[in-house]
Amino acid sequence: AQFPVGYDKNGEIVTGFYAARTHSIIPVEDCLLGVPENQ
């Protein structure tokens, strides 16, 4: 799994995946396709 790292609108660090056809990060803590250790 490759998680981009960025900030949300409140300036908090977020990790997740890009929304379709964008580089806006959707915060994801536990993707159900990946292993639990990712979280």
Full PDB file with SEQRES, HELIX, SHEET, SSBOND, CRYST1, ORIGX, SCALE, CONECT and MASTER records, all heavy atoms in Angstrom:
SEQRES   1 A   39  ALA GLN PHE PRO VAL GLY TYR ASP LYS ASN GLY GLU ILE          
SEQRES   2 A   39  VAL THR GLY PHE TYR ALA ALA ARG THR HIS SER ILE ILE          
SEQRES   3 A   39  PRO VAL GLU ASP CYS LEU LEU GLY VAL PRO GLU ASN GLN          
HELIX    1 AA1 PRO A   36  ASN A   38  5                                   3    
SHEET    1 AA1 3 VAL A   5  TYR A   7  0                                        
SHEET    2 AA1 3 ILE A  13  TYR A  18 -1                                        
SHEET    3 AA1 3 ILE A  25  PRO A  27 -1                                        
CRYST1    1.000    1.000    1.000  90.00  90.00  90.00 P 1           1          
ORIGX1      1.000000  0.000000  0.000000        0.00000                         
ORIGX2      0.000000  1.000000  0.000000        0.00000                         
ORIGX3      0.000000  0.000000  1.000000        0.00000                         
SCALE1      1.000000  0.000000  0.000000        0.00000                         
SCALE2      0.000000  1.000000  0.000000        0.00000                         
SCALE3      0.000000  0.000000  1.000000        0.00000                         
ATOM      1  N   ALA A   1       0.853  -1.187   0.000  1.00  0.00           N  
ATOM      2  CA  ALA A   1       0.000   0.000   0.000  1.00  0.00           C  
ATOM      3  C   ALA A   1       0.890   1.238   0.000  1.00  0.00           C  
ATOM      4  O   ALA A   1       1.940   1.256   0.638  1.00  0.00           O  
ATOM      5  CB  ALA A   1      -0.925   0.012   1.221  1.00  0.00           C  
ATOM      6  N   GLN A   2       0.458   2.248  -0.750  1.00  0.00           N  
ATOM      7  CA  GLN A   2       1.193   3.514  -0.824  1.00  0.00           C  
ATOM      8  C   GLN A   2       0.229   4.647  -0.458  1.00  0.00           C  
ATOM      9  O   GLN A   2      -0.687   4.947  -1.212  1.00  0.00           O  
ATOM     10  CB  GLN A   2       1.749   3.721  -2.236  1.00  0.00           C  
ATOM     11  CG  GLN A   2       2.739   2.642  -2.626  1.00  0.00           C  
ATOM     12  CD  GLN A   2       3.185   2.754  -4.076  1.00  0.00           C  
ATOM     13  OE1 GLN A   2       4.376   2.727  -4.367  1.00  0.00           O  
ATOM     14  NE2 GLN A   2       2.251   2.863  -4.999  1.00  0.00           N  
ATOM     15  N   PHE A   3       0.451   5.237   0.713  1.00  0.00           N  
ATOM     16  CA  PHE A   3      -0.453   6.257   1.229  1.00  0.00           C  
ATOM     17  C   PHE A   3       0.156   7.646   1.066  1.00  0.00           C  
ATOM     18  O   PHE A   3       1.213   7.919   1.657  1.00  0.00           O  
ATOM     19  CB  PHE A   3      -0.740   6.015   2.714  1.00  0.00           C  
ATOM     20  CG  PHE A   3      -1.459   4.736   3.009  1.00  0.00           C  
ATOM     21  CD1 PHE A   3      -0.760   3.564   3.287  1.00  0.00           C  
ATOM     22  CD2 PHE A   3      -2.851   4.694   3.019  1.00  0.00           C  
ATOM     23  CE1 PHE A   3      -1.423   2.379   3.570  1.00  0.00           C  
ATOM     24  CE2 PHE A   3      -3.525   3.509   3.302  1.00  0.00           C  
ATOM     25  CZ  PHE A   3      -2.817   2.351   3.574  1.00  0.00           C  
ATOM     26  N   PRO A   4      -0.473   8.546   0.305  1.00  0.00           N  
ATOM     27  CA  PRO A   4       0.008   9.924   0.261  1.00  0.00           C  
ATOM     28  C   PRO A   4      -0.216  10.598   1.602  1.00  0.00           C  
ATOM     29  O   PRO A   4      -1.142  10.257   2.348  1.00  0.00           O  
ATOM     30  CB  PRO A   4      -0.849  10.564  -0.831  1.00  0.00           C  
ATOM     31  CG  PRO A   4      -2.076   9.721  -0.915  1.00  0.00           C  
ATOM     32  CD  PRO A   4      -1.653   8.337  -0.552  1.00  0.00           C  
ATOM     33  N   VAL A   5       0.638  11.563   1.909  1.00  0.00           N  
ATOM     34  CA  VAL A   5       0.575  12.285   3.183  1.00  0.00           C  
ATOM     35  C   VAL A   5       0.334  13.766   2.901  1.00  0.00           C  
ATOM     36  O   VAL A   5       0.946  14.343   2.002  1.00  0.00           O  
ATOM     37  CB  VAL A   5       1.887  12.111   3.983  1.00  0.00           C  
ATOM     38  CG1 VAL A   5       1.771  12.759   5.351  1.00  0.00           C  
ATOM     39  CG2 VAL A   5       2.241  10.637   4.119  1.00  0.00           C  
ATOM     40  N   GLY A   6      -0.566  14.372   3.657  1.00  0.00           N  
ATOM     41  CA  GLY A   6      -0.848  15.793   3.465  1.00  0.00           C  
ATOM     42  C   GLY A   6      -1.532  16.379   4.692  1.00  0.00           C  
ATOM     43  O   GLY A   6      -1.420  15.843   5.803  1.00  0.00           O  
ATOM     44  N   TYR A   7      -2.246  17.474   4.488  1.00  0.00           N  
ATOM     45  CA  TYR A   7      -2.953  18.147   5.579  1.00  0.00           C  
ATOM     46  C   TYR A   7      -4.434  18.290   5.222  1.00  0.00           C  
ATOM     47  O   TYR A   7      -4.785  18.455   4.050  1.00  0.00           O  
ATOM     48  CB  TYR A   7      -2.372  19.542   5.821  1.00  0.00           C  
ATOM     49  CG  TYR A   7      -0.952  19.542   6.326  1.00  0.00           C  
ATOM     50  CD1 TYR A   7       0.105  19.809   5.459  1.00  0.00           C  
ATOM     51  CD2 TYR A   7      -0.666  19.281   7.659  1.00  0.00           C  
ATOM     52  CE1 TYR A   7       1.413  19.819   5.914  1.00  0.00           C  
ATOM     53  CE2 TYR A   7       0.641  19.296   8.128  1.00  0.00           C  
ATOM     54  CZ  TYR A   7       1.673  19.552   7.249  1.00  0.00           C  
ATOM     55  OH  TYR A   7       2.969  19.565   7.701  1.00  0.00           O  
ATOM     56  N   ASP A   8      -5.282  18.232   6.245  1.00  0.00           N  
ATOM     57  CA  ASP A   8      -6.695  18.525   6.013  1.00  0.00           C  
ATOM     58  C   ASP A   8      -6.926  20.028   6.163  1.00  0.00           C  
ATOM     59  O   ASP A   8      -5.979  20.808   6.390  1.00  0.00           O  
ATOM     60  CB  ASP A   8      -7.593  17.710   6.947  1.00  0.00           C  
ATOM     61  CG  ASP A   8      -7.415  18.044   8.417  1.00  0.00           C  
ATOM     62  OD1 ASP A   8      -6.806  19.096   8.740  1.00  0.00           O  
ATOM     63  OD2 ASP A   8      -7.868  17.254   9.269  1.00  0.00           O  
ATOM     64  N   LYS A   9      -8.178  20.468   6.057  1.00  0.00           N  
ATOM     65  CA  LYS A   9      -8.483  21.907   6.089  1.00  0.00           C  
ATOM     66  C   LYS A   9      -8.194  22.544   7.447  1.00  0.00           C  
ATOM     67  O   LYS A   9      -8.070  23.769   7.557  1.00  0.00           O  
ATOM     68  CB  LYS A   9      -9.943  22.133   5.711  1.00  0.00           C  
ATOM     69  CG  LYS A   9     -10.942  21.459   6.634  1.00  0.00           C  
ATOM     70  CD  LYS A   9     -12.365  21.658   6.122  1.00  0.00           C  
ATOM     71  CE  LYS A   9     -13.376  20.962   7.033  1.00  0.00           C  
ATOM     72  NZ  LYS A   9     -14.767  21.127   6.524  1.00  0.00           N  
ATOM     73  N   ASN A  10      -8.054  21.685   8.464  1.00  0.00           N  
ATOM     74  CA  ASN A  10      -7.737  22.186   9.802  1.00  0.00           C  
ATOM     75  C   ASN A  10      -6.243  22.156  10.107  1.00  0.00           C  
ATOM     76  O   ASN A  10      -5.822  22.441  11.226  1.00  0.00           O  
ATOM     77  CB  ASN A  10      -8.490  21.382  10.863  1.00  0.00           C  
ATOM     78  CG  ASN A  10      -9.994  21.503  10.708  1.00  0.00           C  
ATOM     79  OD1 ASN A  10     -10.513  22.586  10.458  1.00  0.00           O  
ATOM     80  ND2 ASN A  10     -10.692  20.377  10.857  1.00  0.00           N  
ATOM     81  N   GLY A  11      -5.449  21.773   9.103  1.00  0.00           N  
ATOM     82  CA  GLY A  11      -4.010  21.724   9.290  1.00  0.00           C  
ATOM     83  C   GLY A  11      -3.507  20.466   9.971  1.00  0.00           C  
ATOM     84  O   GLY A  11      -2.342  20.384  10.357  1.00  0.00           O  
ATOM     85  N   GLU A  12      -4.386  19.448  10.106  1.00  0.00           N  
ATOM     86  CA  GLU A  12      -3.975  18.180  10.706  1.00  0.00           C  
ATOM     87  C   GLU A  12      -3.396  17.259   9.645  1.00  0.00           C  
ATOM     88  O   GLU A  12      -3.868  17.228   8.498  1.00  0.00           O  
ATOM     89  CB  GLU A  12      -5.169  17.500  11.375  1.00  0.00           C  
ATOM     90  CG  GLU A  12      -5.734  18.252  12.570  1.00  0.00           C  
ATOM     91  CD  GLU A  12      -4.757  18.293  13.736  1.00  0.00           C  
ATOM     92  OE1 GLU A  12      -4.054  17.287  13.964  1.00  0.00           O  
ATOM     93  OE2 GLU A  12      -4.687  19.346  14.397  1.00  0.00           O  
ATOM     94  N   ILE A  13      -2.401  16.469  10.018  1.00  0.00           N  
ATOM     95  CA  ILE A  13      -1.792  15.521   9.085  1.00  0.00           C  
ATOM     96  C   ILE A  13      -2.783  14.414   8.752  1.00  0.00           C  
ATOM     97  O   ILE A  13      -3.416  13.838   9.644  1.00  0.00           O  
ATOM     98  CB  ILE A  13      -0.504  14.913   9.682  1.00  0.00           C  
ATOM     99  CG1 ILE A  13       0.561  16.007   9.838  1.00  0.00           C  
ATOM    100  CG2 ILE A  13       0.030  13.787   8.806  1.00  0.00           C  
ATOM    101  CD1 ILE A  13       1.786  15.563  10.606  1.00  0.00           C  
ATOM    102  N   VAL A  14      -2.928  14.139   7.461  1.00  0.00           N  
ATOM    103  CA  VAL A  14      -3.813  13.065   7.018  1.00  0.00           C  
ATOM    104  C   VAL A  14      -3.057  12.128   6.081  1.00  0.00           C  
ATOM    105  O   VAL A  14      -2.137  12.538   5.362  1.00  0.00           O  
ATOM    106  CB  VAL A  14      -5.076  13.587   6.309  1.00  0.00           C  
ATOM    107  CG1 VAL A  14      -5.975  14.329   7.268  1.00  0.00           C  
ATOM    108  CG2 VAL A  14      -4.730  14.450   5.108  1.00  0.00           C  
ATOM    109  N   THR A  15      -3.466  10.865   6.105  1.00  0.00           N  
ATOM    110  CA  THR A  15      -2.974   9.866   5.153  1.00  0.00           C  
ATOM    111  C   THR A  15      -4.194   9.181   4.562  1.00  0.00           C  
ATOM    112  O   THR A  15      -5.251   9.116   5.183  1.00  0.00           O  
ATOM    113  CB  THR A  15      -2.083   8.827   5.839  1.00  0.00           C  
ATOM    114  OG1 THR A  15      -2.821   8.219   6.915  1.00  0.00           O  
ATOM    115  CG2 THR A  15      -0.815   9.445   6.381  1.00  0.00           C  
ATOM    116  N   GLY A  16      -4.058   8.667   3.377  1.00  0.00           N  
ATOM    117  CA  GLY A  16      -5.196   7.990   2.755  1.00  0.00           C  
ATOM    118  C   GLY A  16      -4.937   7.683   1.309  1.00  0.00           C  
ATOM    119  O   GLY A  16      -3.844   7.260   0.942  1.00  0.00           O  
ATOM    120  N   PHE A  17      -5.930   7.944   0.473  1.00  0.00           N  
ATOM    121  CA  PHE A  17      -5.807   7.723  -0.966  1.00  0.00           C  
ATOM    122  C   PHE A  17      -6.369   8.925  -1.700  1.00  0.00           C  
ATOM    123  O   PHE A  17      -7.223   9.651  -1.173  1.00  0.00           O  
ATOM    124  CB  PHE A  17      -6.550   6.451  -1.395  1.00  0.00           C  
ATOM    125  CG  PHE A  17      -6.011   5.197  -0.775  1.00  0.00           C  
ATOM    126  CD1 PHE A  17      -6.782   4.454   0.110  1.00  0.00           C  
ATOM    127  CD2 PHE A  17      -4.735   4.750  -1.065  1.00  0.00           C  
ATOM    128  CE1 PHE A  17      -6.288   3.296   0.689  1.00  0.00           C  
ATOM    129  CE2 PHE A  17      -4.225   3.601  -0.481  1.00  0.00           C  
ATOM    130  CZ  PHE A  17      -4.997   2.873   0.394  1.00  0.00           C  
ATOM    131  N   TYR A  18      -5.907   9.112  -2.920  1.00  0.00           N  
ATOM    132  CA  TYR A  18      -6.425  10.210  -3.711  1.00  0.00           C  
ATOM    133  C   TYR A  18      -7.847   9.903  -4.184  1.00  0.00           C  
ATOM    134  O   TYR A  18      -8.147   8.786  -4.601  1.00  0.00           O  
ATOM    135  CB  TYR A  18      -5.550  10.450  -4.940  1.00  0.00           C  
ATOM    136  CG  TYR A  18      -4.175  10.982  -4.615  1.00  0.00           C  
ATOM    137  CD1 TYR A  18      -3.030  10.366  -5.116  1.00  0.00           C  
ATOM    138  CD2 TYR A  18      -4.007  12.115  -3.813  1.00  0.00           C  
ATOM    139  CE1 TYR A  18      -1.765  10.851  -4.838  1.00  0.00           C  
ATOM    140  CE2 TYR A  18      -2.745  12.603  -3.524  1.00  0.00           C  
ATOM    141  CZ  TYR A  18      -1.630  11.962  -4.036  1.00  0.00           C  
ATOM    142  OH  TYR A  18      -0.371  12.450  -3.745  1.00  0.00           O  
ATOM    143  N   ALA A  19      -8.706  10.911  -4.121  1.00  0.00           N  
ATOM    144  CA  ALA A  19     -10.038  10.783  -4.705  1.00  0.00           C  
ATOM    145  C   ALA A  19      -9.878  10.580  -6.212  1.00  0.00           C  
ATOM    146  O   ALA A  19      -8.885  11.008  -6.811  1.00  0.00           O  
ATOM    147  CB  ALA A  19     -10.855  12.033  -4.421  1.00  0.00           C  
ATOM    148  N   ALA A  20     -10.848   9.910  -6.819  1.00  0.00           N  
ATOM    149  CA  ALA A  20     -10.765   9.577  -8.240  1.00  0.00           C  
ATOM    150  C   ALA A  20     -10.458  10.817  -9.080  1.00  0.00           C  
ATOM    151  O   ALA A  20     -11.099  11.857  -8.933  1.00  0.00           O  
ATOM    152  CB  ALA A  20     -12.068   8.931  -8.696  1.00  0.00           C  
ATOM    153  N   ARG A  21      -9.429  10.704  -9.928  1.00  0.00           N  
ATOM    154  CA  ARG A  21      -9.035  11.735 -10.897  1.00  0.00           C  
ATOM    155  C   ARG A  21      -8.621  13.061 -10.239  1.00  0.00           C  
ATOM    156  O   ARG A  21      -8.740  14.127 -10.834  1.00  0.00           O  
ATOM    157  CB  ARG A  21     -10.151  11.993 -11.918  1.00  0.00           C  
ATOM    158  CG  ARG A  21     -10.513  10.774 -12.746  1.00  0.00           C  
ATOM    159  CD  ARG A  21     -11.636  11.086 -13.742  1.00  0.00           C  
ATOM    160  NE  ARG A  21     -12.000   9.901 -14.486  1.00  0.00           N  
ATOM    161  CZ  ARG A  21     -12.888   8.992 -14.091  1.00  0.00           C  
ATOM    162  NH1 ARG A  21     -13.494   9.151 -12.921  1.00  0.00           N  
ATOM    163  NH2 ARG A  21     -13.169   7.938 -14.818  1.00  0.00           N  
ATOM    164  N   THR A  22      -8.175  13.005  -8.993  1.00  0.00           N  
ATOM    165  CA  THR A  22      -7.713  14.213  -8.308  1.00  0.00           C  
ATOM    166  C   THR A  22      -6.471  13.883  -7.480  1.00  0.00           C  
ATOM    167  O   THR A  22      -6.064  12.720  -7.389  1.00  0.00           O  
ATOM    168  CB  THR A  22      -8.781  14.772  -7.337  1.00  0.00           C  
ATOM    169  OG1 THR A  22      -8.808  13.966  -6.140  1.00  0.00           O  
ATOM    170  CG2 THR A  22     -10.149  14.799  -7.964  1.00  0.00           C  
ATOM    171  N   HIS A  23      -5.904  14.911  -6.860  1.00  0.00           N  
ATOM    172  CA  HIS A  23      -4.848  14.711  -5.871  1.00  0.00           C  
ATOM    173  C   HIS A  23      -5.307  15.203  -4.510  1.00  0.00           C  
ATOM    174  O   HIS A  23      -4.498  15.601  -3.663  1.00  0.00           O  
ATOM    175  CB  HIS A  23      -3.554  15.394  -6.325  1.00  0.00           C  
ATOM    176  CG  HIS A  23      -2.686  14.480  -7.132  1.00  0.00           C  
ATOM    177  ND1 HIS A  23      -1.320  14.516  -7.096  1.00  0.00           N  
ATOM    178  CD2 HIS A  23      -2.987  13.479  -7.989  1.00  0.00           C  
ATOM    179  CE1 HIS A  23      -0.815  13.594  -7.898  1.00  0.00           C  
ATOM    180  NE2 HIS A  23      -1.815  12.962  -8.461  1.00  0.00           N  
ATOM    181  N   SER A  24      -6.633  15.174  -4.303  1.00  0.00           N  
ATOM    182  CA  SER A  24      -7.194  15.459  -2.987  1.00  0.00           C  
ATOM    183  C   SER A  24      -7.197  14.171  -2.171  1.00  0.00           C  
ATOM    184  O   SER A  24      -7.714  13.144  -2.633  1.00  0.00           O  
ATOM    185  CB  SER A  24      -8.630  15.986  -3.126  1.00  0.00           C  
ATOM    186  OG  SER A  24      -8.650  17.187  -3.862  1.00  0.00           O  
ATOM    187  N   ILE A  25      -6.610  14.226  -0.975  1.00  0.00           N  
ATOM    188  CA  ILE A  25      -6.479  13.018  -0.166  1.00  0.00           C  
ATOM    189  C   ILE A  25      -7.769  12.736   0.594  1.00  0.00           C  
ATOM    190  O   ILE A  25      -8.268  13.576   1.328  1.00  0.00           O  
ATOM    191  CB  ILE A  25      -5.303  13.132   0.826  1.00  0.00           C  
ATOM    192  CG1 ILE A  25      -3.986  13.310   0.068  1.00  0.00           C  
ATOM    193  CG2 ILE A  25      -5.239  11.909   1.727  1.00  0.00           C  
ATOM    194  CD1 ILE A  25      -2.783  13.556   0.968  1.00  0.00           C  
ATOM    195  N   ILE A  26      -8.316  11.531   0.374  1.00  0.00           N  
ATOM    196  CA  ILE A  26      -9.433  11.041   1.178  1.00  0.00           C  
ATOM    197  C   ILE A  26      -8.829  10.344   2.389  1.00  0.00           C  
ATOM    198  O   ILE A  26      -8.112   9.346   2.234  1.00  0.00           O  
ATOM    199  CB  ILE A  26     -10.296  10.041   0.383  1.00  0.00           C  
ATOM    200  CG1 ILE A  26     -10.828  10.677  -0.896  1.00  0.00           C  
ATOM    201  CG2 ILE A  26     -11.424   9.504   1.252  1.00  0.00           C  
ATOM    202  CD1 ILE A  26     -11.759  11.827  -0.686  1.00  0.00           C  
ATOM    203  N   PRO A  27      -9.055  10.841   3.603  1.00  0.00           N  
ATOM    204  CA  PRO A  27      -8.450  10.198   4.780  1.00  0.00           C  
ATOM    205  C   PRO A  27      -8.921   8.747   4.918  1.00  0.00           C  
ATOM    206  O   PRO A  27     -10.118   8.474   4.949  1.00  0.00           O  
ATOM    207  CB  PRO A  27      -8.943  11.057   5.948  1.00  0.00           C  
ATOM    208  CG  PRO A  27      -9.295  12.370   5.340  1.00  0.00           C  
ATOM    209  CD  PRO A  27      -9.817  12.053   3.967  1.00  0.00           C  
ATOM    210  N   VAL A  28      -7.973   7.829   4.952  1.00  0.00           N  
ATOM    211  CA  VAL A  28      -8.264   6.405   5.118  1.00  0.00           C  
ATOM    212  C   VAL A  28      -7.321   5.852   6.177  1.00  0.00           C  
ATOM    213  O   VAL A  28      -6.100   5.936   6.023  1.00  0.00           O  
ATOM    214  CB  VAL A  28      -8.088   5.621   3.797  1.00  0.00           C  
ATOM    215  CG1 VAL A  28      -8.321   4.127   4.036  1.00  0.00           C  
ATOM    216  CG2 VAL A  28      -9.026   6.137   2.719  1.00  0.00           C  
ATOM    217  N   GLU A  29      -7.885   5.324   7.228  1.00  0.00           N  
ATOM    218  CA  GLU A  29      -7.066   4.724   8.279  1.00  0.00           C  
ATOM    219  C   GLU A  29      -6.890   3.222   8.055  1.00  0.00           C  
ATOM    220  O   GLU A  29      -5.854   2.658   8.381  1.00  0.00           O  
ATOM    221  CB  GLU A  29      -7.707   4.965   9.652  1.00  0.00           C  
ATOM    222  CG  GLU A  29      -7.773   6.428  10.050  1.00  0.00           C  
ATOM    223  CD  GLU A  29      -6.403   7.053  10.218  1.00  0.00           C  
ATOM    224  OE1 GLU A  29      -5.482   6.357  10.685  1.00  0.00           O  
ATOM    225  OE2 GLU A  29      -6.238   8.226   9.857  1.00  0.00           O  
ATOM    226  N   ASP A  30      -7.932   2.605   7.496  1.00  0.00           N  
ATOM    227  CA  ASP A  30      -7.892   1.153   7.350  1.00  0.00           C  
ATOM    228  C   ASP A  30      -8.589   0.748   6.052  1.00  0.00           C  
ATOM    229  O   ASP A  30      -9.798   0.554   6.021  1.00  0.00           O  
ATOM    230  CB  ASP A  30      -8.568   0.468   8.544  1.00  0.00           C  
ATOM    231  CG  ASP A  30      -8.491  -1.062   8.461  1.00  0.00           C  
ATOM    232  OD1 ASP A  30      -7.567  -1.563   7.792  1.00  0.00           O  
ATOM    233  OD2 ASP A  30      -9.354  -1.728   9.043  1.00  0.00           O  
ATOM    234  N   CYS A  31      -7.829   0.643   4.973  1.00  0.00           N  
ATOM    235  CA  CYS A  31      -8.380   0.171   3.701  1.00  0.00           C  
ATOM    236  C   CYS A  31      -8.674  -1.319   3.817  1.00  0.00           C  
ATOM    237  O   CYS A  31      -7.810  -2.107   4.239  1.00  0.00           O  
ATOM    238  CB  CYS A  31      -7.386   0.420   2.573  1.00  0.00           C  
ATOM    239  SG  CYS A  31      -7.869  -0.328   1.000  1.00  0.00           S  
ATOM    240  N   LEU A  32      -9.873  -1.730   3.439  1.00  0.00           N  
ATOM    241  CA  LEU A  32     -10.296  -3.124   3.601  1.00  0.00           C  
ATOM    242  C   LEU A  32      -9.646  -4.067   2.590  1.00  0.00           C  
ATOM    243  O   LEU A  32      -9.789  -5.277   2.706  1.00  0.00           O  
ATOM    244  CB  LEU A  32     -11.820  -3.224   3.502  1.00  0.00           C  
ATOM    245  CG  LEU A  32     -12.598  -2.466   4.579  1.00  0.00           C  
ATOM    246  CD1 LEU A  32     -14.094  -2.653   4.386  1.00  0.00           C  
ATOM    247  CD2 LEU A  32     -12.182  -2.923   5.971  1.00  0.00           C  
ATOM    248  N   LEU A  33      -8.941  -3.511   1.616  1.00  0.00           N  
ATOM    249  CA  LEU A  33      -8.192  -4.367   0.697  1.00  0.00           C  
ATOM    250  C   LEU A  33      -6.792  -4.660   1.231  1.00  0.00           C  
ATOM    251  O   LEU A  33      -6.145  -5.612   0.800  1.00  0.00           O  
ATOM    252  CB  LEU A  33      -8.077  -3.720  -0.691  1.00  0.00           C  
ATOM    253  CG  LEU A  33      -9.374  -3.361  -1.403  1.00  0.00           C  
ATOM    254  CD1 LEU A  33      -9.086  -2.957  -2.845  1.00  0.00           C  
ATOM    255  CD2 LEU A  33     -10.373  -4.505  -1.370  1.00  0.00           C  
ATOM    256  N   GLY A  34      -6.326  -3.839   2.155  1.00  0.00           N  
ATOM    257  CA  GLY A  34      -4.990  -4.012   2.714  1.00  0.00           C  
ATOM    258  C   GLY A  34      -5.007  -4.780   4.018  1.00  0.00           C  
ATOM    259  O   GLY A  34      -6.065  -5.154   4.538  1.00  0.00           O  
ATOM    260  N   VAL A  35      -3.822  -4.999   4.565  1.00  0.00           N  
ATOM    261  CA  VAL A  35      -3.705  -5.775   5.802  1.00  0.00           C  
ATOM    262  C   VAL A  35      -3.944  -4.862   7.009  1.00  0.00           C  
ATOM    263  O   VAL A  35      -3.712  -3.645   6.943  1.00  0.00           O  
ATOM    264  CB  VAL A  35      -2.309  -6.433   5.904  1.00  0.00           C  
ATOM    265  CG1 VAL A  35      -2.140  -7.474   4.800  1.00  0.00           C  
ATOM    266  CG2 VAL A  35      -1.191  -5.400   5.826  1.00  0.00           C  
ATOM    267  N   PRO A  36      -4.417  -5.407   8.129  1.00  0.00           N  
ATOM    268  CA  PRO A  36      -4.688  -4.584   9.321  1.00  0.00           C  
ATOM    269  C   PRO A  36      -3.454  -3.843   9.838  1.00  0.00           C  
ATOM    270  O   PRO A  36      -3.583  -2.788  10.461  1.00  0.00           O  
ATOM    271  CB  PRO A  36      -5.186  -5.613  10.345  1.00  0.00           C  
ATOM    272  CG  PRO A  36      -5.707  -6.758   9.534  1.00  0.00           C  
ATOM    273  CD  PRO A  36      -4.826  -6.812   8.323  1.00  0.00           C  
ATOM    274  N   GLU A  37      -2.270  -4.398   9.589  1.00  0.00           N  
ATOM    275  CA  GLU A  37      -1.037  -3.753  10.066  1.00  0.00           C  
ATOM    276  C   GLU A  37      -0.853  -2.354   9.491  1.00  0.00           C  
ATOM    277  O   GLU A  37      -0.167  -1.508  10.088  1.00  0.00           O  
ATOM    278  CB  GLU A  37       0.177  -4.627   9.712  1.00  0.00           C  
ATOM    279  CG  GLU A  37       0.342  -5.870  10.560  1.00  0.00           C  
ATOM    280  CD  GLU A  37      -0.577  -7.020  10.161  1.00  0.00           C  
ATOM    281  OE1 GLU A  37      -1.369  -6.859   9.192  1.00  0.00           O  
ATOM    282  OE2 GLU A  37      -0.509  -8.075  10.799  1.00  0.00           O  
ATOM    283  N   ASN A  38      -1.456  -2.091   8.323  1.00  0.00           N  
ATOM    284  CA  ASN A  38      -1.325  -0.755   7.721  1.00  0.00           C  
ATOM    285  C   ASN A  38      -1.794   0.338   8.671  1.00  0.00           C  
ATOM    286  O   ASN A  38      -1.185   1.405   8.759  1.00  0.00           O  
ATOM    287  CB  ASN A  38      -2.128  -0.684   6.422  1.00  0.00           C  
ATOM    288  CG  ASN A  38      -1.531  -1.525   5.309  1.00  0.00           C  
ATOM    289  OD1 ASN A  38      -0.399  -1.978   5.405  1.00  0.00           O  
ATOM    290  ND2 ASN A  38      -2.286  -1.734   4.252  1.00  0.00           N  
ATOM    291  N   GLN A  39      -2.888   0.068   9.359  1.00  0.00           N  
ATOM    292  CA  GLN A  39      -3.460   1.066  10.258  1.00  0.00           C  
ATOM    293  C   GLN A  39      -2.493   1.398  11.400  1.00  0.00           C  
ATOM    294  O   GLN A  39      -2.330   2.561  11.773  1.00  0.00           O  
ATOM    295  CB  GLN A  39      -4.789   0.558  10.824  1.00  0.00           C  
ATOM    296  CG  GLN A  39      -5.562   1.592  11.621  1.00  0.00           C  
ATOM    297  CD  GLN A  39      -6.944   1.091  12.016  1.00  0.00           C  
ATOM    298  OE1 GLN A  39      -7.274  -0.079  11.827  1.00  0.00           O  
ATOM    299  NE2 GLN A  39      -7.751   1.979  12.566  1.00  0.00           N  
TER     300      GLN A  39                                                      
MASTER        0    0    0    1    3    0    0    6  299    1    0    3          
END                                                                             
